[in-house]
Amino acid sequence: MTVLPTEPDSAGQGHRVVWITGLSGAGKTTLARAVTARLRAAGEAVVLLDGDDLRQIFGATETGVGHHDRQTRLTLALQYARLCRILSAQGVTVVIATISLFREVHAWNRAHLPGYFEVYLKVPLEELRRRDPKGIYRRFDAGELRDVAGLDLAVDEPAEPDWLERYSPQRDATSLADDLFSMLHHRTSP
């Protein structure tokens, strides 16, 4: 069982955390990179975190079938959230691209992360299977993987994301990043 920390948030410290979530292949990393570039160009100190890199850092790289069960994923997501809090307390904005679709994580983030802004990229499974940049859906269908988020591993869609972007073939990463940057800019403007 994962125990969530209960220490109070240090209100007013640090900057913000932009938590970009969605299933594998939704475009999280692409959007995170693009919006990070825009924030940096605007003079903001930004740290970009990606779930793939974080799994390696935390020693949770894929080692076999069943390695990414719900409890493992939940534990990792809470570690990511704590790292975001530490980094944002250093005075930087954190942009993170991660699946981490658990109601416990979303609630913890809202309670503990400064300037938390939740982005949910909702992409239909058919489109995710078409994209399949890491071969996850193909490998699942071939019986090579299990515990795949959104397939045989249940996920919790964010109840009230700050920005819900439903897939549209007319929208590209550039226009999404422009819109997200604009929303973030207006949120911090007086």
N, C-alpha and C. Protein backbone atom coordinates (compact mmCIF):
# COMPACT_ATOMS: atom_id res chain seq x y z
N MET A 1 0.84 -1.19 0.00
CA MET A 1 0.00 0.00 0.00
C MET A 1 0.88 1.24 0.00
N THR A 2 0.54 2.21 -0.82
CA THR A 2 1.29 3.45 -0.88
C THR A 2 0.72 4.43 0.13
N VAL A 3 1.61 4.98 0.94
CA VAL A 3 1.20 5.97 1.92
C VAL A 3 1.52 7.34 1.33
N LEU A 4 0.52 8.18 1.25
CA LEU A 4 0.72 9.52 0.73
C LEU A 4 1.21 10.43 1.84
N PRO A 5 2.23 11.24 1.60
CA PRO A 5 2.71 12.15 2.62
C PRO A 5 1.64 13.19 2.95
N THR A 6 1.66 13.65 4.18
CA THR A 6 0.64 14.60 4.60
C THR A 6 1.22 15.96 4.99
N GLU A 7 2.52 16.16 4.78
CA GLU A 7 3.09 17.45 5.14
C GLU A 7 2.46 18.56 4.32
N PRO A 8 2.31 19.75 4.91
CA PRO A 8 1.64 20.83 4.21
C PRO A 8 2.49 21.37 3.07
N ASP A 9 1.82 21.93 2.09
CA ASP A 9 2.50 22.56 0.98
C ASP A 9 3.09 23.88 1.43
N SER A 10 4.24 24.23 0.88
CA SER A 10 4.87 25.51 1.18
C SER A 10 4.31 26.53 0.20
N ALA A 11 3.16 27.09 0.54
CA ALA A 11 2.49 28.02 -0.36
C ALA A 11 3.38 29.20 -0.67
N GLY A 12 3.40 29.58 -1.93
CA GLY A 12 4.16 30.74 -2.34
C GLY A 12 5.60 30.44 -2.69
N GLN A 13 6.08 29.24 -2.42
CA GLN A 13 7.46 28.92 -2.75
C GLN A 13 7.51 28.29 -4.14
N GLY A 14 8.59 28.59 -4.85
CA GLY A 14 8.79 27.95 -6.13
C GLY A 14 7.93 28.56 -7.22
N HIS A 15 7.88 27.86 -8.31
CA HIS A 15 7.13 28.32 -9.46
C HIS A 15 5.95 27.39 -9.67
N ARG A 16 5.85 26.82 -10.82
CA ARG A 16 4.69 25.98 -11.11
C ARG A 16 5.12 24.64 -11.66
N VAL A 17 4.17 23.73 -11.65
CA VAL A 17 4.38 22.40 -12.22
C VAL A 17 3.29 22.20 -13.27
N VAL A 18 3.73 21.92 -14.50
CA VAL A 18 2.83 21.64 -15.60
C VAL A 18 2.90 20.13 -15.82
N TRP A 19 1.83 19.44 -15.46
CA TRP A 19 1.77 17.97 -15.48
C TRP A 19 1.00 17.55 -16.72
N ILE A 20 1.71 17.04 -17.74
CA ILE A 20 1.09 16.64 -19.00
C ILE A 20 0.91 15.13 -18.98
N THR A 21 -0.35 14.69 -19.05
CA THR A 21 -0.65 13.27 -18.92
C THR A 21 -1.52 12.79 -20.08
N GLY A 22 -1.52 11.51 -20.27
CA GLY A 22 -2.28 10.85 -21.32
C GLY A 22 -1.67 9.48 -21.52
N LEU A 23 -2.30 8.66 -22.32
CA LEU A 23 -1.79 7.31 -22.55
C LEU A 23 -0.56 7.33 -23.45
N SER A 24 0.09 6.19 -23.56
CA SER A 24 1.27 6.06 -24.41
C SER A 24 0.94 6.42 -25.85
N GLY A 25 1.72 7.31 -26.43
CA GLY A 25 1.50 7.73 -27.81
C GLY A 25 0.60 8.93 -27.96
N ALA A 26 0.14 9.52 -26.84
CA ALA A 26 -0.79 10.65 -26.92
C ALA A 26 -0.12 11.95 -27.35
N GLY A 27 1.21 12.02 -27.28
CA GLY A 27 1.91 13.24 -27.66
C GLY A 27 2.41 14.05 -26.47
N LYS A 28 2.49 13.43 -25.31
CA LYS A 28 2.91 14.12 -24.10
C LYS A 28 4.31 14.72 -24.22
N THR A 29 5.27 13.90 -24.63
CA THR A 29 6.65 14.36 -24.71
C THR A 29 6.81 15.43 -25.77
N THR A 30 6.17 15.26 -26.91
CA THR A 30 6.24 16.26 -27.98
C THR A 30 5.71 17.60 -27.50
N LEU A 31 4.55 17.57 -26.84
CA LEU A 31 3.98 18.81 -26.32
C LEU A 31 4.86 19.40 -25.23
N ALA A 32 5.37 18.56 -24.32
CA ALA A 32 6.21 19.05 -23.23
C ALA A 32 7.47 19.74 -23.77
N ARG A 33 8.10 19.14 -24.76
CA ARG A 33 9.30 19.76 -25.34
C ARG A 33 8.98 21.10 -25.99
N ALA A 34 7.87 21.14 -26.72
CA ALA A 34 7.51 22.36 -27.44
C ALA A 34 7.15 23.49 -26.48
N VAL A 35 6.38 23.19 -25.44
CA VAL A 35 5.98 24.25 -24.51
C VAL A 35 7.17 24.67 -23.64
N THR A 36 8.06 23.73 -23.34
CA THR A 36 9.27 24.07 -22.59
C THR A 36 10.12 25.06 -23.39
N ALA A 37 10.26 24.83 -24.68
CA ALA A 37 11.04 25.74 -25.53
C ALA A 37 10.41 27.13 -25.52
N ARG A 38 9.09 27.22 -25.57
CA ARG A 38 8.42 28.52 -25.55
C ARG A 38 8.61 29.22 -24.21
N LEU A 39 8.49 28.47 -23.12
CA LEU A 39 8.68 29.07 -21.79
C LEU A 39 10.11 29.58 -21.62
N ARG A 40 11.08 28.80 -22.08
CA ARG A 40 12.49 29.23 -21.99
C ARG A 40 12.73 30.47 -22.85
N ALA A 41 12.15 30.50 -24.04
CA ALA A 41 12.32 31.65 -24.93
C ALA A 41 11.72 32.91 -24.30
N ALA A 42 10.72 32.72 -23.44
CA ALA A 42 10.09 33.85 -22.74
C ALA A 42 10.87 34.23 -21.48
N GLY A 43 12.00 33.55 -21.23
CA GLY A 43 12.86 33.90 -20.10
C GLY A 43 12.60 33.13 -18.83
N GLU A 44 11.79 32.10 -18.90
CA GLU A 44 11.46 31.33 -17.70
C GLU A 44 12.47 30.19 -17.50
N ALA A 45 12.88 29.98 -16.27
CA ALA A 45 13.75 28.84 -15.94
C ALA A 45 12.87 27.60 -15.86
N VAL A 46 13.15 26.61 -16.71
CA VAL A 46 12.28 25.44 -16.83
C VAL A 46 13.11 24.17 -16.80
N VAL A 47 12.59 23.18 -16.08
CA VAL A 47 13.14 21.83 -16.09
C VAL A 47 12.11 20.94 -16.76
N LEU A 48 12.57 20.16 -17.75
CA LEU A 48 11.70 19.23 -18.46
C LEU A 48 11.97 17.83 -17.94
N LEU A 49 10.92 17.14 -17.51
CA LEU A 49 11.03 15.75 -17.07
C LEU A 49 10.15 14.90 -17.98
N ASP A 50 10.65 13.71 -18.32
CA ASP A 50 9.90 12.79 -19.16
C ASP A 50 9.82 11.44 -18.47
N GLY A 51 8.65 10.83 -18.50
CA GLY A 51 8.44 9.56 -17.83
C GLY A 51 9.42 8.48 -18.25
N ASP A 52 9.78 8.41 -19.54
CA ASP A 52 10.74 7.41 -19.99
C ASP A 52 12.08 7.58 -19.31
N ASP A 53 12.56 8.83 -19.24
CA ASP A 53 13.83 9.11 -18.57
C ASP A 53 13.74 8.86 -17.08
N LEU A 54 12.62 9.25 -16.49
CA LEU A 54 12.46 9.07 -15.04
C LEU A 54 12.44 7.60 -14.65
N ARG A 55 11.83 6.75 -15.46
CA ARG A 55 11.85 5.31 -15.15
C ARG A 55 13.28 4.79 -15.10
N GLN A 56 14.14 5.26 -15.99
CA GLN A 56 15.54 4.85 -15.96
C GLN A 56 16.23 5.38 -14.71
N ILE A 57 15.99 6.64 -14.39
CA ILE A 57 16.62 7.25 -13.22
C ILE A 57 16.21 6.54 -11.94
N PHE A 58 14.94 6.19 -11.83
CA PHE A 58 14.43 5.53 -10.63
C PHE A 58 14.59 4.01 -10.67
N GLY A 59 15.28 3.51 -11.69
CA GLY A 59 15.56 2.08 -11.77
C GLY A 59 14.36 1.23 -12.09
N ALA A 60 13.42 1.78 -12.85
CA ALA A 60 12.20 1.03 -13.16
C ALA A 60 12.07 0.79 -14.65
N THR A 61 13.20 0.59 -15.32
CA THR A 61 13.12 0.31 -16.75
C THR A 61 12.49 -1.05 -16.96
N GLU A 62 11.91 -1.21 -18.11
CA GLU A 62 11.18 -2.44 -18.42
C GLU A 62 12.13 -3.64 -18.40
N THR A 63 11.83 -4.60 -17.54
CA THR A 63 12.66 -5.81 -17.44
C THR A 63 11.87 -7.05 -17.78
N GLY A 64 10.61 -6.90 -18.07
CA GLY A 64 9.85 -8.09 -18.42
C GLY A 64 8.37 -7.86 -18.27
N VAL A 65 7.64 -8.88 -18.64
CA VAL A 65 6.19 -8.82 -18.57
C VAL A 65 5.75 -8.63 -17.12
N GLY A 66 4.80 -7.72 -16.92
CA GLY A 66 4.24 -7.53 -15.60
C GLY A 66 5.01 -6.57 -14.73
N HIS A 67 6.09 -6.01 -15.24
CA HIS A 67 6.93 -5.14 -14.42
C HIS A 67 6.23 -3.83 -14.06
N HIS A 68 5.34 -3.38 -14.91
CA HIS A 68 4.71 -2.08 -14.70
C HIS A 68 3.27 -2.24 -14.21
N ASP A 69 3.07 -3.02 -13.14
CA ASP A 69 1.73 -3.19 -12.60
C ASP A 69 1.25 -1.90 -11.96
N ARG A 70 0.01 -1.89 -11.52
CA ARG A 70 -0.58 -0.66 -10.98
C ARG A 70 0.22 -0.11 -9.81
N GLN A 71 0.58 -0.96 -8.86
CA GLN A 71 1.29 -0.48 -7.67
C GLN A 71 2.65 0.11 -8.03
N THR A 72 3.37 -0.52 -8.95
CA THR A 72 4.67 0.00 -9.39
C THR A 72 4.49 1.35 -10.05
N ARG A 73 3.50 1.45 -10.91
CA ARG A 73 3.25 2.72 -11.59
C ARG A 73 2.83 3.81 -10.61
N LEU A 74 1.99 3.47 -9.65
CA LEU A 74 1.54 4.45 -8.67
C LEU A 74 2.71 4.94 -7.82
N THR A 75 3.54 4.03 -7.38
CA THR A 75 4.71 4.40 -6.58
C THR A 75 5.62 5.33 -7.37
N LEU A 76 5.88 4.99 -8.62
CA LEU A 76 6.72 5.84 -9.47
C LEU A 76 6.10 7.21 -9.67
N ALA A 77 4.81 7.25 -9.93
CA ALA A 77 4.14 8.54 -10.16
C ALA A 77 4.25 9.44 -8.93
N LEU A 78 4.13 8.86 -7.76
CA LEU A 78 4.28 9.67 -6.54
C LEU A 78 5.72 10.14 -6.36
N GLN A 79 6.69 9.33 -6.78
CA GLN A 79 8.08 9.77 -6.75
C GLN A 79 8.28 10.94 -7.72
N TYR A 80 7.69 10.84 -8.89
CA TYR A 80 7.78 11.95 -9.85
C TYR A 80 7.19 13.22 -9.26
N ALA A 81 6.04 13.09 -8.61
CA ALA A 81 5.38 14.26 -8.03
C ALA A 81 6.25 14.90 -6.96
N ARG A 82 6.87 14.09 -6.12
CA ARG A 82 7.75 14.63 -5.07
C ARG A 82 8.96 15.33 -5.68
N LEU A 83 9.51 14.75 -6.74
CA LEU A 83 10.63 15.39 -7.43
C LEU A 83 10.20 16.73 -8.01
N CYS A 84 9.02 16.79 -8.60
CA CYS A 84 8.50 18.05 -9.13
C CYS A 84 8.41 19.10 -8.03
N ARG A 85 7.96 18.69 -6.86
CA ARG A 85 7.83 19.64 -5.76
C ARG A 85 9.20 20.17 -5.33
N ILE A 86 10.17 19.29 -5.23
CA ILE A 86 11.53 19.71 -4.84
C ILE A 86 12.10 20.68 -5.86
N LEU A 87 11.95 20.35 -7.14
CA LEU A 87 12.50 21.22 -8.18
C LEU A 87 11.79 22.56 -8.23
N SER A 88 10.47 22.57 -8.15
CA SER A 88 9.75 23.84 -8.22
C SER A 88 10.07 24.72 -7.01
N ALA A 89 10.35 24.11 -5.88
CA ALA A 89 10.74 24.88 -4.69
C ALA A 89 12.09 25.57 -4.88
N GLN A 90 12.86 25.13 -5.88
CA GLN A 90 14.14 25.76 -6.20
C GLN A 90 13.96 27.00 -7.07
N GLY A 91 12.73 27.31 -7.42
CA GLY A 91 12.45 28.51 -8.20
C GLY A 91 12.37 28.28 -9.69
N VAL A 92 12.13 27.05 -10.10
CA VAL A 92 11.99 26.76 -11.53
C VAL A 92 10.59 26.24 -11.82
N THR A 93 10.20 26.38 -13.06
CA THR A 93 8.98 25.77 -13.53
C THR A 93 9.32 24.35 -13.97
N VAL A 94 8.49 23.40 -13.62
CA VAL A 94 8.70 22.02 -14.03
C VAL A 94 7.61 21.64 -15.02
N VAL A 95 8.03 21.11 -16.16
CA VAL A 95 7.10 20.55 -17.14
C VAL A 95 7.39 19.06 -17.18
N ILE A 96 6.39 18.26 -16.88
CA ILE A 96 6.57 16.81 -16.84
C ILE A 96 5.59 16.12 -17.78
N ALA A 97 6.11 15.17 -18.54
CA ALA A 97 5.29 14.35 -19.44
C ALA A 97 5.29 12.93 -18.89
N THR A 98 4.14 12.47 -18.42
CA THR A 98 4.05 11.17 -17.78
C THR A 98 2.65 10.61 -17.89
N ILE A 99 2.53 9.30 -17.97
CA ILE A 99 1.19 8.71 -17.99
C ILE A 99 0.54 8.96 -16.62
N SER A 100 1.02 8.36 -15.58
CA SER A 100 0.62 8.63 -14.19
C SER A 100 -0.86 8.96 -14.02
N LEU A 101 -1.73 8.14 -14.57
CA LEU A 101 -3.17 8.38 -14.52
C LEU A 101 -3.81 7.68 -13.33
N PHE A 102 -3.61 8.27 -12.14
CA PHE A 102 -4.16 7.74 -10.90
C PHE A 102 -4.79 8.87 -10.11
N ARG A 103 -6.00 8.64 -9.62
CA ARG A 103 -6.68 9.71 -8.87
C ARG A 103 -5.88 10.12 -7.64
N GLU A 104 -5.17 9.17 -7.03
CA GLU A 104 -4.36 9.49 -5.84
C GLU A 104 -3.27 10.50 -6.19
N VAL A 105 -2.68 10.33 -7.35
CA VAL A 105 -1.61 11.23 -7.79
C VAL A 105 -2.17 12.60 -8.13
N HIS A 106 -3.28 12.62 -8.85
CA HIS A 106 -3.88 13.91 -9.21
C HIS A 106 -4.25 14.69 -7.94
N ALA A 107 -4.81 14.01 -6.95
CA ALA A 107 -5.18 14.68 -5.69
C ALA A 107 -3.94 15.17 -4.95
N TRP A 108 -2.91 14.33 -4.87
CA TRP A 108 -1.68 14.73 -4.18
C TRP A 108 -1.06 15.94 -4.86
N ASN A 109 -1.03 15.91 -6.18
CA ASN A 109 -0.46 17.03 -6.93
C ASN A 109 -1.19 18.33 -6.62
N ARG A 110 -2.51 18.28 -6.65
CA ARG A 110 -3.29 19.51 -6.39
C ARG A 110 -3.05 20.04 -4.97
N ALA A 111 -2.82 19.14 -4.03
CA ALA A 111 -2.62 19.55 -2.65
C ALA A 111 -1.19 20.02 -2.36
N HIS A 112 -0.21 19.56 -3.15
CA HIS A 112 1.19 19.78 -2.77
C HIS A 112 2.07 20.46 -3.80
N LEU A 113 1.63 20.60 -5.03
CA LEU A 113 2.49 21.18 -6.05
C LEU A 113 2.10 22.63 -6.31
N PRO A 114 3.07 23.52 -6.22
CA PRO A 114 2.78 24.94 -6.43
C PRO A 114 2.39 25.22 -7.87
N GLY A 115 1.39 26.04 -8.04
CA GLY A 115 0.98 26.43 -9.39
C GLY A 115 0.68 25.24 -10.28
N TYR A 116 0.11 24.19 -9.71
CA TYR A 116 -0.14 22.96 -10.46
C TYR A 116 -1.10 23.21 -11.61
N PHE A 117 -0.70 22.75 -12.80
CA PHE A 117 -1.53 22.90 -13.99
C PHE A 117 -1.54 21.56 -14.69
N GLU A 118 -2.72 20.93 -14.72
CA GLU A 118 -2.86 19.57 -15.24
C GLU A 118 -3.38 19.60 -16.67
N VAL A 119 -2.63 18.97 -17.57
CA VAL A 119 -2.99 18.86 -18.98
C VAL A 119 -3.29 17.40 -19.27
N TYR A 120 -4.44 17.14 -19.85
CA TYR A 120 -4.80 15.76 -20.20
C TYR A 120 -5.01 15.68 -21.71
N LEU A 121 -4.16 14.90 -22.36
CA LEU A 121 -4.29 14.65 -23.79
C LEU A 121 -5.12 13.39 -23.98
N LYS A 122 -6.35 13.57 -24.37
CA LYS A 122 -7.28 12.44 -24.53
C LYS A 122 -7.33 12.05 -26.01
N VAL A 123 -6.71 10.91 -26.29
CA VAL A 123 -6.59 10.44 -27.67
C VAL A 123 -7.26 9.07 -27.75
N PRO A 124 -8.12 8.84 -28.75
CA PRO A 124 -8.79 7.54 -28.86
C PRO A 124 -7.78 6.40 -29.06
N LEU A 125 -8.15 5.25 -28.55
CA LEU A 125 -7.29 4.07 -28.63
C LEU A 125 -6.92 3.73 -30.08
N GLU A 126 -7.84 3.92 -30.99
CA GLU A 126 -7.55 3.62 -32.41
C GLU A 126 -6.39 4.47 -32.91
N GLU A 127 -6.38 5.75 -32.52
CA GLU A 127 -5.30 6.65 -32.94
C GLU A 127 -3.99 6.28 -32.24
N LEU A 128 -4.07 5.93 -30.96
CA LEU A 128 -2.87 5.53 -30.24
C LEU A 128 -2.26 4.28 -30.87
N ARG A 129 -3.11 3.33 -31.25
CA ARG A 129 -2.62 2.11 -31.91
C ARG A 129 -2.01 2.44 -33.27
N ARG A 130 -2.57 3.40 -33.97
CA ARG A 130 -2.02 3.80 -35.27
C ARG A 130 -0.63 4.42 -35.10
N ARG A 131 -0.49 5.27 -34.10
CA ARG A 131 0.79 5.93 -33.86
C ARG A 131 1.83 4.95 -33.32
N ASP A 132 1.53 4.37 -32.18
CA ASP A 132 2.34 3.35 -31.51
C ASP A 132 3.85 3.55 -31.67
N PRO A 133 4.41 4.69 -31.23
CA PRO A 133 5.82 4.98 -31.47
C PRO A 133 6.79 4.01 -30.79
N LYS A 134 6.37 3.39 -29.72
CA LYS A 134 7.26 2.47 -28.99
C LYS A 134 6.90 1.01 -29.21
N GLY A 135 5.90 0.75 -30.05
CA GLY A 135 5.49 -0.62 -30.32
C GLY A 135 4.75 -1.27 -29.16
N ILE A 136 4.29 -0.48 -28.21
CA ILE A 136 3.63 -1.01 -27.01
C ILE A 136 2.32 -1.72 -27.37
N TYR A 137 1.50 -1.09 -28.18
CA TYR A 137 0.20 -1.68 -28.52
C TYR A 137 0.38 -2.93 -29.37
N ARG A 138 1.32 -2.89 -30.30
CA ARG A 138 1.61 -4.06 -31.13
C ARG A 138 2.10 -5.21 -30.25
N ARG A 139 3.00 -4.92 -29.32
CA ARG A 139 3.54 -5.96 -28.44
C ARG A 139 2.47 -6.50 -27.49
N PHE A 140 1.56 -5.64 -27.05
CA PHE A 140 0.45 -6.09 -26.21
C PHE A 140 -0.42 -7.06 -27.00
N ASP A 141 -0.77 -6.67 -28.22
CA ASP A 141 -1.62 -7.52 -29.06
C ASP A 141 -0.97 -8.86 -29.37
N ALA A 142 0.36 -8.87 -29.41
CA ALA A 142 1.09 -10.12 -29.69
C ALA A 142 1.30 -10.95 -28.42
N GLY A 143 0.82 -10.46 -27.27
CA GLY A 143 0.97 -11.20 -26.02
C GLY A 143 2.33 -11.05 -25.38
N GLU A 144 3.12 -10.08 -25.84
CA GLU A 144 4.47 -9.87 -25.30
C GLU A 144 4.48 -8.95 -24.09
N LEU A 145 3.44 -8.17 -23.89
CA LEU A 145 3.35 -7.23 -22.78
C LEU A 145 2.02 -7.40 -22.07
N ARG A 146 2.02 -7.06 -20.81
CA ARG A 146 0.78 -6.93 -20.06
C ARG A 146 0.95 -5.74 -19.14
N ASP A 147 -0.09 -5.42 -18.40
CA ASP A 147 -0.09 -4.23 -17.55
C ASP A 147 0.19 -2.97 -18.36
N VAL A 148 -0.53 -2.84 -19.47
CA VAL A 148 -0.40 -1.68 -20.32
C VAL A 148 -1.52 -0.70 -19.97
N ALA A 149 -1.13 0.49 -19.58
CA ALA A 149 -2.09 1.51 -19.16
C ALA A 149 -3.12 1.75 -20.25
N GLY A 150 -4.38 1.67 -19.87
CA GLY A 150 -5.48 1.91 -20.79
C GLY A 150 -5.95 0.67 -21.52
N LEU A 151 -5.20 -0.42 -21.41
CA LEU A 151 -5.62 -1.67 -22.04
C LEU A 151 -6.03 -2.65 -20.95
N ASP A 152 -5.08 -3.39 -20.39
CA ASP A 152 -5.44 -4.32 -19.31
C ASP A 152 -5.12 -3.74 -17.93
N LEU A 153 -4.63 -2.52 -17.90
CA LEU A 153 -4.38 -1.84 -16.64
C LEU A 153 -5.27 -0.60 -16.60
N ALA A 154 -6.22 -0.62 -15.68
CA ALA A 154 -7.17 0.50 -15.58
C ALA A 154 -6.45 1.78 -15.20
N VAL A 155 -6.92 2.87 -15.75
CA VAL A 155 -6.37 4.19 -15.43
C VAL A 155 -7.51 5.09 -14.96
N ASP A 156 -7.13 6.15 -14.28
CA ASP A 156 -8.10 7.14 -13.82
C ASP A 156 -7.89 8.40 -14.63
N GLU A 157 -8.86 8.73 -15.47
CA GLU A 157 -8.77 9.98 -16.19
C GLU A 157 -8.85 11.12 -15.18
N PRO A 158 -8.14 12.20 -15.40
CA PRO A 158 -8.24 13.34 -14.48
C PRO A 158 -9.69 13.82 -14.38
N ALA A 159 -10.14 14.03 -13.16
CA ALA A 159 -11.53 14.45 -12.94
C ALA A 159 -11.76 15.87 -13.43
N GLU A 160 -10.81 16.76 -13.19
CA GLU A 160 -10.96 18.16 -13.57
C GLU A 160 -9.63 18.72 -14.04
N PRO A 161 -9.14 18.27 -15.19
CA PRO A 161 -7.87 18.82 -15.66
C PRO A 161 -8.01 20.31 -15.94
N ASP A 162 -6.92 21.04 -15.80
CA ASP A 162 -6.94 22.46 -16.11
C ASP A 162 -7.09 22.68 -17.61
N TRP A 163 -6.59 21.71 -18.37
CA TRP A 163 -6.73 21.78 -19.82
C TRP A 163 -6.93 20.38 -20.36
N LEU A 164 -8.09 20.13 -20.93
CA LEU A 164 -8.41 18.86 -21.57
C LEU A 164 -8.33 19.08 -23.07
N GLU A 165 -7.43 18.35 -23.72
CA GLU A 165 -7.30 18.46 -25.16
C GLU A 165 -7.72 17.14 -25.78
N ARG A 166 -8.88 17.15 -26.42
CA ARG A 166 -9.37 15.96 -27.12
C ARG A 166 -8.73 15.92 -28.51
N TYR A 167 -8.37 14.72 -28.91
CA TYR A 167 -7.70 14.54 -30.19
C TYR A 167 -8.53 15.11 -31.33
N SER A 168 -7.83 15.81 -32.20
CA SER A 168 -8.41 16.28 -33.45
C SER A 168 -7.32 16.19 -34.51
N PRO A 169 -7.60 15.55 -35.64
CA PRO A 169 -6.56 15.42 -36.66
C PRO A 169 -6.12 16.77 -37.23
N GLN A 170 -6.91 17.81 -37.01
CA GLN A 170 -6.56 19.13 -37.52
C GLN A 170 -5.56 19.87 -36.62
N ARG A 171 -5.34 19.35 -35.42
CA ARG A 171 -4.45 20.03 -34.46
C ARG A 171 -3.09 19.36 -34.48
N ASP A 172 -2.04 20.16 -34.62
CA ASP A 172 -0.69 19.61 -34.59
C ASP A 172 0.01 20.07 -33.30
N ALA A 173 1.20 19.55 -33.07
CA ALA A 173 1.93 19.84 -31.84
C ALA A 173 2.23 21.33 -31.71
N THR A 174 2.49 22.00 -32.82
CA THR A 174 2.80 23.43 -32.77
C THR A 174 1.61 24.23 -32.25
N SER A 175 0.43 23.97 -32.79
CA SER A 175 -0.75 24.73 -32.34
C SER A 175 -1.11 24.39 -30.90
N LEU A 176 -0.93 23.12 -30.51
CA LEU A 176 -1.19 22.75 -29.11
C LEU A 176 -0.23 23.48 -28.18
N ALA A 177 1.05 23.50 -28.54
CA ALA A 177 2.05 24.17 -27.70
C ALA A 177 1.77 25.67 -27.62
N ASP A 178 1.37 26.27 -28.72
CA ASP A 178 1.02 27.69 -28.72
C ASP A 178 -0.13 27.96 -27.75
N ASP A 179 -1.17 27.13 -27.83
CA ASP A 179 -2.34 27.31 -26.96
C ASP A 179 -1.98 27.09 -25.50
N LEU A 180 -1.19 26.06 -25.22
CA LEU A 180 -0.81 25.80 -23.83
C LEU A 180 0.06 26.92 -23.29
N PHE A 181 1.02 27.38 -24.07
CA PHE A 181 1.87 28.49 -23.65
C PHE A 181 1.01 29.71 -23.34
N SER A 182 0.05 30.00 -24.20
CA SER A 182 -0.83 31.15 -23.99
C SER A 182 -1.62 31.00 -22.69
N MET A 183 -2.15 29.81 -22.44
CA MET A 183 -2.90 29.57 -21.20
C MET A 183 -2.01 29.76 -19.98
N LEU A 184 -0.80 29.24 -20.03
CA LEU A 184 0.12 29.37 -18.90
C LEU A 184 0.51 30.82 -18.69
N HIS A 185 0.74 31.54 -19.78
CA HIS A 185 1.11 32.95 -19.70
C HIS A 185 -0.03 33.77 -19.07
N HIS A 186 -1.26 33.54 -19.52
CA HIS A 186 -2.40 34.29 -18.97
C HIS A 186 -2.68 33.94 -17.53
N ARG A 187 -2.36 32.71 -17.15
CA ARG A 187 -2.60 32.29 -15.77
C ARG A 187 -1.68 33.02 -14.79
N THR A 188 -0.49 33.40 -15.25
CA THR A 188 0.46 34.08 -14.37
C THR A 188 0.50 35.58 -14.57
N SER A 189 -0.19 36.09 -15.58
CA SER A 189 -0.21 37.53 -15.81
C SER A 189 -1.16 38.20 -14.82
N PRO A 190 -0.83 39.43 -14.44
CA PRO A 190 -1.72 40.15 -13.49
C PRO A 190 -3.05 40.50 -14.12
